[in-house]
Amino acid sequence: MNLTTEKKQIFVVSGLILMAAFSRLIPHPFNFTAIGALALFSGAQLADKRLAYILPFSALLLSDLIIGFHSTMLPVYLCFACTVWLGTRLQSNKSIVGTAAFSFTGSVVFFLVTNLPIWYGGFYPMTVSGTLVSYTAALPFFANQVVGDLVYTSLLFGVFSFLKRGYLAKLA
């Protein structure tokens, strides 16, 4: 079988993304999954922008089919679309600091956007005080998200870099 370098890379990236998606299905602390990391990773590693969005959304949708659908899916998916877009900004300069900064940015966007429907949904008073209480109550989830995103981002980018220097280079 003679695969082009691009197809080999897509195969390896797809495999890493599927393994990361599995993190939603195993026991884990709330928001400590690889979904944010895999969105950033696919945006950064896949030249085909359609694939960069399709792969993580497929993984997200498949795991949602198992876990169950929820009322805040639209904001969640929009946040991950934003994280894929952030990843596309990394394509030309994949530095450790830039990758960590974009990972953290994705976590912040997710926290700010996905907690808004919780506040707006009537769980908290529709006041400035209610907003502050809502976001304060979500801080433990945010901490898990930041740590999870940074850990999984390090793993995905690190394993891919290792494979690219070794395994993929030998296949070329």
N, C-alpha and C. Protein backbone atom coordinates (compact mmCIF):
# COMPACT_ATOMS: atom_id res chain seq x y z
N MET A 1 0.85 -1.17 0.00
CA MET A 1 0.00 0.00 0.00
C MET A 1 0.89 1.23 0.00
N ASN A 2 0.69 2.10 -0.97
CA ASN A 2 1.49 3.29 -1.11
C ASN A 2 0.65 4.51 -0.78
N LEU A 3 0.81 5.02 0.42
CA LEU A 3 0.05 6.18 0.86
C LEU A 3 0.90 7.43 0.74
N THR A 4 0.27 8.52 0.39
CA THR A 4 0.99 9.78 0.36
C THR A 4 1.26 10.22 1.80
N THR A 5 2.22 11.11 1.97
CA THR A 5 2.54 11.62 3.30
C THR A 5 1.32 12.28 3.93
N GLU A 6 0.56 13.02 3.12
CA GLU A 6 -0.63 13.69 3.65
C GLU A 6 -1.66 12.68 4.14
N LYS A 7 -1.86 11.60 3.41
CA LYS A 7 -2.83 10.58 3.84
C LYS A 7 -2.34 9.86 5.09
N LYS A 8 -1.04 9.62 5.19
CA LYS A 8 -0.50 9.01 6.41
C LYS A 8 -0.73 9.92 7.60
N GLN A 9 -0.51 11.22 7.40
CA GLN A 9 -0.71 12.17 8.48
C GLN A 9 -2.17 12.21 8.88
N ILE A 10 -3.08 12.21 7.92
CA ILE A 10 -4.51 12.21 8.23
C ILE A 10 -4.89 10.95 9.00
N PHE A 11 -4.33 9.82 8.62
CA PHE A 11 -4.60 8.56 9.31
C PHE A 11 -4.14 8.63 10.77
N VAL A 12 -2.93 9.11 10.99
CA VAL A 12 -2.39 9.20 12.35
C VAL A 12 -3.18 10.22 13.17
N VAL A 13 -3.45 11.39 12.59
CA VAL A 13 -4.22 12.42 13.29
C VAL A 13 -5.61 11.89 13.63
N SER A 14 -6.25 11.23 12.70
CA SER A 14 -7.60 10.67 12.94
C SER A 14 -7.57 9.66 14.09
N GLY A 15 -6.56 8.81 14.11
CA GLY A 15 -6.43 7.84 15.20
C GLY A 15 -6.25 8.51 16.54
N LEU A 16 -5.41 9.53 16.60
CA LEU A 16 -5.22 10.26 17.85
C LEU A 16 -6.51 10.96 18.28
N ILE A 17 -7.24 11.49 17.33
CA ILE A 17 -8.50 12.17 17.65
C ILE A 17 -9.52 11.17 18.19
N LEU A 18 -9.61 10.00 17.59
CA LEU A 18 -10.56 8.98 18.09
C LEU A 18 -10.18 8.52 19.50
N MET A 19 -8.89 8.37 19.75
CA MET A 19 -8.47 7.99 21.10
C MET A 19 -8.81 9.09 22.09
N ALA A 20 -8.64 10.34 21.69
CA ALA A 20 -8.97 11.45 22.57
C ALA A 20 -10.47 11.52 22.83
N ALA A 21 -11.27 11.26 21.81
CA ALA A 21 -12.72 11.29 21.97
C ALA A 21 -13.18 10.25 22.98
N PHE A 22 -12.46 9.16 23.07
CA PHE A 22 -12.78 8.11 24.03
C PHE A 22 -12.73 8.63 25.47
N SER A 23 -11.99 9.71 25.69
CA SER A 23 -11.87 10.26 27.04
C SER A 23 -13.21 10.74 27.60
N ARG A 24 -14.18 11.00 26.75
CA ARG A 24 -15.51 11.39 27.23
C ARG A 24 -16.29 10.19 27.74
N LEU A 25 -15.89 9.00 27.34
CA LEU A 25 -16.68 7.81 27.66
C LEU A 25 -16.15 7.05 28.87
N ILE A 26 -14.96 7.38 29.32
CA ILE A 26 -14.40 6.72 30.50
C ILE A 26 -14.65 7.61 31.72
N PRO A 27 -14.66 7.04 32.91
CA PRO A 27 -14.86 7.88 34.10
C PRO A 27 -13.79 8.98 34.17
N HIS A 28 -14.25 10.19 34.47
CA HIS A 28 -13.34 11.34 34.54
C HIS A 28 -14.00 12.45 35.36
N PRO A 29 -13.19 13.34 35.93
CA PRO A 29 -13.79 14.51 36.59
C PRO A 29 -14.54 15.36 35.57
N PHE A 30 -15.56 16.08 35.99
CA PHE A 30 -16.32 16.93 35.09
C PHE A 30 -15.39 17.85 34.31
N ASN A 31 -15.60 17.92 33.00
CA ASN A 31 -14.88 18.79 32.06
C ASN A 31 -13.41 18.42 31.88
N PHE A 32 -12.96 17.33 32.42
CA PHE A 32 -11.57 16.89 32.22
C PHE A 32 -11.56 15.84 31.11
N THR A 33 -11.72 16.33 29.88
CA THR A 33 -11.70 15.44 28.72
C THR A 33 -10.77 16.03 27.67
N ALA A 34 -10.59 15.30 26.60
CA ALA A 34 -9.67 15.72 25.55
C ALA A 34 -10.37 16.43 24.39
N ILE A 35 -11.65 16.75 24.52
CA ILE A 35 -12.38 17.31 23.39
C ILE A 35 -11.81 18.68 22.97
N GLY A 36 -11.55 19.55 23.91
CA GLY A 36 -10.96 20.85 23.57
C GLY A 36 -9.59 20.69 22.94
N ALA A 37 -8.81 19.79 23.48
CA ALA A 37 -7.47 19.54 22.94
C ALA A 37 -7.55 18.96 21.53
N LEU A 38 -8.48 18.05 21.30
CA LEU A 38 -8.55 17.46 19.97
C LEU A 38 -9.09 18.45 18.95
N ALA A 39 -9.93 19.39 19.37
CA ALA A 39 -10.39 20.44 18.46
C ALA A 39 -9.21 21.34 18.06
N LEU A 40 -8.41 21.72 19.03
CA LEU A 40 -7.23 22.54 18.75
C LEU A 40 -6.24 21.78 17.88
N PHE A 41 -6.03 20.52 18.22
CA PHE A 41 -5.08 19.66 17.50
C PHE A 41 -5.50 19.46 16.04
N SER A 42 -6.77 19.17 15.81
CA SER A 42 -7.19 18.95 14.42
C SER A 42 -7.08 20.23 13.61
N GLY A 43 -7.41 21.36 14.21
CA GLY A 43 -7.25 22.63 13.51
C GLY A 43 -5.80 22.92 13.17
N ALA A 44 -4.90 22.55 14.06
CA ALA A 44 -3.48 22.83 13.86
C ALA A 44 -2.81 21.85 12.91
N GLN A 45 -3.29 20.61 12.85
CA GLN A 45 -2.57 19.57 12.12
C GLN A 45 -3.15 19.23 10.76
N LEU A 46 -4.41 19.51 10.54
CA LEU A 46 -5.03 19.11 9.27
C LEU A 46 -5.11 20.29 8.31
N ALA A 47 -4.49 20.14 7.17
CA ALA A 47 -4.50 21.19 6.16
C ALA A 47 -5.90 21.34 5.55
N ASP A 48 -6.64 20.25 5.43
CA ASP A 48 -8.00 20.30 4.90
C ASP A 48 -8.93 20.82 6.00
N LYS A 49 -9.37 22.05 5.86
CA LYS A 49 -10.19 22.69 6.89
C LYS A 49 -11.49 21.95 7.15
N ARG A 50 -12.08 21.37 6.11
CA ARG A 50 -13.31 20.60 6.32
C ARG A 50 -13.06 19.45 7.27
N LEU A 51 -11.97 18.72 7.03
CA LEU A 51 -11.62 17.60 7.91
C LEU A 51 -11.30 18.08 9.31
N ALA A 52 -10.66 19.25 9.41
CA ALA A 52 -10.30 19.79 10.73
C ALA A 52 -11.54 19.99 11.59
N TYR A 53 -12.66 20.33 10.98
CA TYR A 53 -13.91 20.49 11.73
C TYR A 53 -14.69 19.17 11.81
N ILE A 54 -14.70 18.41 10.74
CA ILE A 54 -15.50 17.18 10.70
C ILE A 54 -15.03 16.15 11.72
N LEU A 55 -13.73 15.93 11.83
CA LEU A 55 -13.24 14.88 12.73
C LEU A 55 -13.61 15.12 14.19
N PRO A 56 -13.31 16.29 14.77
CA PRO A 56 -13.70 16.45 16.17
C PRO A 56 -15.21 16.50 16.38
N PHE A 57 -15.96 17.07 15.41
CA PHE A 57 -17.40 17.10 15.58
C PHE A 57 -18.01 15.71 15.44
N SER A 58 -17.42 14.88 14.61
CA SER A 58 -17.89 13.49 14.51
C SER A 58 -17.65 12.78 15.84
N ALA A 59 -16.47 12.97 16.40
CA ALA A 59 -16.16 12.35 17.69
C ALA A 59 -17.09 12.87 18.78
N LEU A 60 -17.34 14.16 18.76
CA LEU A 60 -18.23 14.77 19.76
C LEU A 60 -19.65 14.24 19.60
N LEU A 61 -20.14 14.19 18.37
CA LEU A 61 -21.49 13.71 18.11
C LEU A 61 -21.64 12.23 18.47
N LEU A 62 -20.66 11.42 18.09
CA LEU A 62 -20.73 10.00 18.43
C LEU A 62 -20.75 9.78 19.94
N SER A 63 -19.91 10.52 20.65
CA SER A 63 -19.91 10.35 22.10
C SER A 63 -21.19 10.92 22.71
N ASP A 64 -21.76 11.98 22.13
CA ASP A 64 -23.05 12.50 22.61
C ASP A 64 -24.18 11.49 22.37
N LEU A 65 -24.09 10.71 21.30
CA LEU A 65 -25.09 9.66 21.07
C LEU A 65 -25.08 8.64 22.20
N ILE A 66 -23.91 8.40 22.77
CA ILE A 66 -23.78 7.43 23.86
C ILE A 66 -24.12 8.08 25.20
N ILE A 67 -23.56 9.27 25.43
CA ILE A 67 -23.74 9.96 26.71
C ILE A 67 -25.15 10.53 26.83
N GLY A 68 -25.65 11.07 25.73
CA GLY A 68 -26.97 11.70 25.72
C GLY A 68 -26.88 13.15 25.27
N PHE A 69 -27.94 13.60 24.65
CA PHE A 69 -28.00 14.98 24.19
C PHE A 69 -28.46 15.89 25.33
N HIS A 70 -28.17 17.18 25.21
CA HIS A 70 -28.51 18.12 26.28
C HIS A 70 -28.90 19.46 25.68
N SER A 71 -29.47 20.31 26.48
CA SER A 71 -30.01 21.59 26.00
C SER A 71 -28.94 22.61 25.65
N THR A 72 -27.72 22.42 26.07
CA THR A 72 -26.66 23.40 25.78
C THR A 72 -25.70 22.91 24.69
N MET A 73 -26.17 22.00 23.86
CA MET A 73 -25.29 21.46 22.81
C MET A 73 -24.84 22.51 21.81
N LEU A 74 -25.73 23.41 21.42
CA LEU A 74 -25.35 24.42 20.43
C LEU A 74 -24.18 25.29 20.92
N PRO A 75 -24.26 25.87 22.13
CA PRO A 75 -23.10 26.64 22.59
C PRO A 75 -21.83 25.79 22.74
N VAL A 76 -21.98 24.55 23.17
CA VAL A 76 -20.83 23.67 23.32
C VAL A 76 -20.17 23.43 21.96
N TYR A 77 -20.94 23.09 20.97
CA TYR A 77 -20.39 22.83 19.64
C TYR A 77 -19.79 24.10 19.04
N LEU A 78 -20.43 25.25 19.27
CA LEU A 78 -19.87 26.52 18.77
C LEU A 78 -18.52 26.83 19.40
N CYS A 79 -18.40 26.52 20.69
CA CYS A 79 -17.11 26.74 21.37
C CYS A 79 -16.03 25.85 20.78
N PHE A 80 -16.37 24.61 20.49
CA PHE A 80 -15.36 23.72 19.90
C PHE A 80 -15.03 24.14 18.47
N ALA A 81 -16.00 24.71 17.76
CA ALA A 81 -15.70 25.26 16.43
C ALA A 81 -14.69 26.40 16.56
N CYS A 82 -14.88 27.22 17.57
CA CYS A 82 -13.94 28.31 17.83
C CYS A 82 -12.55 27.75 18.14
N THR A 83 -12.49 26.66 18.88
CA THR A 83 -11.20 26.06 19.23
C THR A 83 -10.53 25.46 18.01
N VAL A 84 -11.30 24.85 17.10
CA VAL A 84 -10.72 24.37 15.84
C VAL A 84 -10.13 25.55 15.08
N TRP A 85 -10.89 26.65 15.02
CA TRP A 85 -10.40 27.85 14.33
C TRP A 85 -9.10 28.34 14.98
N LEU A 86 -9.05 28.34 16.31
CA LEU A 86 -7.80 28.73 16.99
C LEU A 86 -6.65 27.83 16.54
N GLY A 87 -6.93 26.55 16.41
CA GLY A 87 -5.92 25.61 15.94
C GLY A 87 -5.41 25.94 14.55
N THR A 88 -6.31 26.42 13.69
CA THR A 88 -5.87 26.78 12.33
C THR A 88 -4.90 27.95 12.38
N ARG A 89 -4.99 28.78 13.39
CA ARG A 89 -4.05 29.90 13.55
C ARG A 89 -2.66 29.38 13.98
N LEU A 90 -2.62 28.19 14.50
CA LEU A 90 -1.34 27.59 14.94
C LEU A 90 -0.58 26.93 13.79
N GLN A 91 -1.24 26.67 12.69
CA GLN A 91 -0.61 25.88 11.63
C GLN A 91 0.74 26.43 11.19
N SER A 92 0.87 27.73 11.12
CA SER A 92 2.13 28.30 10.63
C SER A 92 3.18 28.46 11.72
N ASN A 93 2.79 28.41 12.99
CA ASN A 93 3.75 28.62 14.07
C ASN A 93 3.34 27.80 15.28
N LYS A 94 3.76 26.56 15.35
CA LYS A 94 3.36 25.66 16.43
C LYS A 94 4.38 25.69 17.57
N SER A 95 4.46 26.81 18.25
CA SER A 95 5.37 26.90 19.40
C SER A 95 4.66 26.36 20.63
N ILE A 96 5.42 25.97 21.62
CA ILE A 96 4.84 25.45 22.87
C ILE A 96 4.03 26.55 23.56
N VAL A 97 4.58 27.76 23.61
CA VAL A 97 3.88 28.87 24.27
C VAL A 97 2.59 29.21 23.52
N GLY A 98 2.65 29.28 22.19
CA GLY A 98 1.46 29.58 21.41
C GLY A 98 0.39 28.52 21.55
N THR A 99 0.81 27.27 21.54
CA THR A 99 -0.14 26.16 21.69
C THR A 99 -0.79 26.20 23.06
N ALA A 100 0.00 26.42 24.11
CA ALA A 100 -0.56 26.52 25.47
C ALA A 100 -1.50 27.71 25.59
N ALA A 101 -1.12 28.84 24.99
CA ALA A 101 -1.97 30.04 25.06
C ALA A 101 -3.29 29.80 24.35
N PHE A 102 -3.27 29.15 23.19
CA PHE A 102 -4.51 28.89 22.47
C PHE A 102 -5.35 27.84 23.19
N SER A 103 -4.70 26.89 23.84
CA SER A 103 -5.43 25.90 24.63
C SER A 103 -6.18 26.60 25.77
N PHE A 104 -5.47 27.49 26.46
CA PHE A 104 -6.09 28.24 27.56
C PHE A 104 -7.21 29.14 27.03
N THR A 105 -6.99 29.78 25.90
CA THR A 105 -8.01 30.64 25.30
C THR A 105 -9.28 29.83 24.99
N GLY A 106 -9.10 28.63 24.43
CA GLY A 106 -10.24 27.76 24.16
C GLY A 106 -11.01 27.42 25.43
N SER A 107 -10.28 27.17 26.53
CA SER A 107 -10.92 26.88 27.81
C SER A 107 -11.72 28.07 28.32
N VAL A 108 -11.15 29.26 28.19
CA VAL A 108 -11.83 30.48 28.65
C VAL A 108 -13.10 30.73 27.83
N VAL A 109 -12.99 30.61 26.52
CA VAL A 109 -14.16 30.80 25.66
C VAL A 109 -15.25 29.79 26.04
N PHE A 110 -14.87 28.54 26.22
CA PHE A 110 -15.84 27.51 26.60
C PHE A 110 -16.52 27.87 27.92
N PHE A 111 -15.74 28.27 28.90
CA PHE A 111 -16.28 28.64 30.22
C PHE A 111 -17.27 29.80 30.11
N LEU A 112 -16.87 30.86 29.42
CA LEU A 112 -17.71 32.05 29.33
C LEU A 112 -19.00 31.79 28.54
N VAL A 113 -18.87 31.09 27.43
CA VAL A 113 -20.03 30.88 26.55
C VAL A 113 -20.99 29.83 27.09
N THR A 114 -20.47 28.70 27.54
CA THR A 114 -21.37 27.61 27.95
C THR A 114 -22.03 27.85 29.30
N ASN A 115 -21.48 28.73 30.12
CA ASN A 115 -22.14 29.02 31.39
C ASN A 115 -23.22 30.08 31.26
N LEU A 116 -23.21 30.82 30.18
CA LEU A 116 -24.23 31.83 29.96
C LEU A 116 -25.63 31.21 29.87
N PRO A 117 -25.84 30.10 29.12
CA PRO A 117 -27.19 29.52 29.09
C PRO A 117 -27.65 28.98 30.44
N ILE A 118 -26.70 28.59 31.29
CA ILE A 118 -27.07 28.11 32.64
C ILE A 118 -27.65 29.27 33.43
N TRP A 119 -26.99 30.42 33.36
CA TRP A 119 -27.49 31.61 34.05
C TRP A 119 -28.81 32.06 33.43
N TYR A 120 -28.82 32.15 32.11
CA TYR A 120 -29.99 32.63 31.39
C TYR A 120 -31.17 31.66 31.51
N GLY A 121 -30.89 30.40 31.71
CA GLY A 121 -31.93 29.36 31.78
C GLY A 121 -32.75 29.39 33.05
N GLY A 122 -32.50 30.33 33.93
CA GLY A 122 -33.33 30.46 35.12
C GLY A 122 -32.79 29.77 36.35
N PHE A 123 -31.58 29.24 36.28
CA PHE A 123 -31.02 28.59 37.45
C PHE A 123 -30.56 29.62 38.49
N TYR A 124 -30.31 30.83 38.03
CA TYR A 124 -29.83 31.91 38.89
C TYR A 124 -30.64 33.17 38.57
N PRO A 125 -30.72 34.10 39.52
CA PRO A 125 -31.47 35.34 39.26
C PRO A 125 -30.89 36.11 38.06
N MET A 126 -31.74 36.76 37.32
CA MET A 126 -31.34 37.51 36.13
C MET A 126 -30.83 38.90 36.55
N THR A 127 -29.79 38.87 37.36
CA THR A 127 -29.17 40.10 37.85
C THR A 127 -27.66 39.96 37.70
N VAL A 128 -26.96 41.06 37.92
CA VAL A 128 -25.50 41.01 37.90
C VAL A 128 -25.02 40.05 38.99
N SER A 129 -25.65 40.13 40.14
CA SER A 129 -25.30 39.23 41.24
C SER A 129 -25.54 37.77 40.86
N GLY A 130 -26.67 37.50 40.20
CA GLY A 130 -26.96 36.14 39.75
C GLY A 130 -25.94 35.64 38.75
N THR A 131 -25.49 36.53 37.87
CA THR A 131 -24.46 36.17 36.89
C THR A 131 -23.17 35.80 37.60
N LEU A 132 -22.77 36.62 38.57
CA LEU A 132 -21.54 36.34 39.31
C LEU A 132 -21.62 35.03 40.09
N VAL A 133 -22.78 34.76 40.68
CA VAL A 133 -22.97 33.50 41.41
C VAL A 133 -22.89 32.32 40.45
N SER A 134 -23.50 32.46 39.28
CA SER A 134 -23.49 31.40 38.27
C SER A 134 -22.06 31.07 37.84
N TYR A 135 -21.31 32.08 37.49
CA TYR A 135 -19.93 31.85 37.04
C TYR A 135 -19.03 31.39 38.17
N THR A 136 -19.27 31.87 39.38
CA THR A 136 -18.49 31.44 40.53
C THR A 136 -18.73 29.95 40.81
N ALA A 137 -19.99 29.53 40.71
CA ALA A 137 -20.32 28.12 40.93
C ALA A 137 -19.65 27.21 39.90
N ALA A 138 -19.36 27.77 38.73
CA ALA A 138 -18.76 26.97 37.65
C ALA A 138 -17.24 26.94 37.69
N LEU A 139 -16.61 27.66 38.60
CA LEU A 139 -15.14 27.71 38.64
C LEU A 139 -14.46 26.35 38.79
N PRO A 140 -15.00 25.41 39.60
CA PRO A 140 -14.35 24.09 39.66
C PRO A 140 -14.35 23.38 38.30
N PHE A 141 -15.41 23.55 37.53
CA PHE A 141 -15.48 22.96 36.20
C PHE A 141 -14.44 23.61 35.28
N PHE A 142 -14.29 24.93 35.43
CA PHE A 142 -13.31 25.67 34.64
C PHE A 142 -11.90 25.18 34.95
N ALA A 143 -11.60 24.98 36.22
CA ALA A 143 -10.27 24.49 36.60
C ALA A 143 -10.00 23.13 35.96
N ASN A 144 -10.99 22.23 36.02
CA ASN A 144 -10.84 20.92 35.39
C ASN A 144 -10.64 21.06 33.88
N GLN A 145 -11.37 21.97 33.27
CA GLN A 145 -11.26 22.18 31.82
C GLN A 145 -9.86 22.65 31.45
N VAL A 146 -9.36 23.64 32.16
CA VAL A 146 -8.03 24.18 31.86
C VAL A 146 -6.97 23.09 31.99
N VAL A 147 -7.00 22.38 33.10
CA VAL A 147 -5.99 21.33 33.32
C VAL A 147 -6.15 20.22 32.28
N GLY A 148 -7.38 19.78 32.05
CA GLY A 148 -7.62 18.73 31.06
C GLY A 148 -7.17 19.15 29.67
N ASP A 149 -7.53 20.38 29.28
CA ASP A 149 -7.13 20.86 27.95
C ASP A 149 -5.61 20.92 27.83
N LEU A 150 -4.94 21.42 28.85
CA LEU A 150 -3.47 21.53 28.78
C LEU A 150 -2.80 20.15 28.79
N VAL A 151 -3.30 19.24 29.61
CA VAL A 151 -2.73 17.89 29.67
C VAL A 151 -2.93 17.18 28.33
N TYR A 152 -4.16 17.17 27.85
CA TYR A 152 -4.43 16.46 26.59
C TYR A 152 -3.81 17.16 25.39
N THR A 153 -3.72 18.48 25.41
CA THR A 153 -3.05 19.19 24.32
C THR A 153 -1.58 18.79 24.29
N SER A 154 -0.95 18.74 25.46
CA SER A 154 0.46 18.31 25.54
C SER A 154 0.62 16.90 25.00
N LEU A 155 -0.28 16.02 25.39
CA LEU A 155 -0.21 14.63 24.93
C LEU A 155 -0.40 14.52 23.42
N LEU A 156 -1.46 15.14 22.90
CA LEU A 156 -1.73 15.03 21.46
C LEU A 156 -0.61 15.62 20.62
N PHE A 157 -0.21 16.84 20.93
CA PHE A 157 0.86 17.47 20.15
C PHE A 157 2.18 16.76 20.36
N GLY A 158 2.44 16.31 21.60
CA GLY A 158 3.69 15.61 21.90
C GLY A 158 3.79 14.25 21.20
N VAL A 159 2.73 13.46 21.29
CA VAL A 159 2.73 12.13 20.64
C VAL A 159 2.83 12.30 19.13
N PHE A 160 2.10 13.27 18.59
CA PHE A 160 2.16 13.49 17.14
C PHE A 160 3.56 13.92 16.71
N SER A 161 4.18 14.78 17.48
CA SER A 161 5.54 15.23 17.14
C SER A 161 6.50 14.05 17.18
N PHE A 162 6.36 13.21 18.19
CA PHE A 162 7.20 12.01 18.30
C PHE A 162 6.98 11.08 17.11
N LEU A 163 5.72 10.84 16.78
CA LEU A 163 5.41 9.96 15.65
C LEU A 163 5.87 10.55 14.33
N LYS A 164 5.74 11.85 14.21
CA LYS A 164 6.12 12.51 12.97
C LYS A 164 7.63 12.39 12.75
N ARG A 165 8.40 12.51 13.81
CA ARG A 165 9.86 12.39 13.69
C ARG A 165 10.30 10.95 13.48
N GLY A 166 9.52 10.01 14.00
CA GLY A 166 9.91 8.61 13.89
C GLY A 166 9.09 7.84 12.89
N TYR A 167 7.91 7.47 13.29
CA TYR A 167 7.03 6.59 12.50
C TYR A 167 6.69 7.18 11.14
N LEU A 168 6.19 8.39 11.10
CA LEU A 168 5.79 8.98 9.82
C LEU A 168 6.99 9.23 8.91
N ALA A 169 8.11 9.61 9.50
CA ALA A 169 9.31 9.86 8.70
C ALA A 169 9.78 8.57 8.02
N LYS A 170 9.65 7.45 8.71
CA LYS A 170 10.07 6.16 8.15
C LYS A 170 9.14 5.70 7.03
N LEU A 171 7.86 6.12 7.13
CA LEU A 171 6.89 5.73 6.09
C LEU A 171 7.02 6.57 4.83
N ALA A 172 7.65 7.71 4.94
CA ALA A 172 7.74 8.63 3.80
C ALA A 172 8.63 8.08 2.70
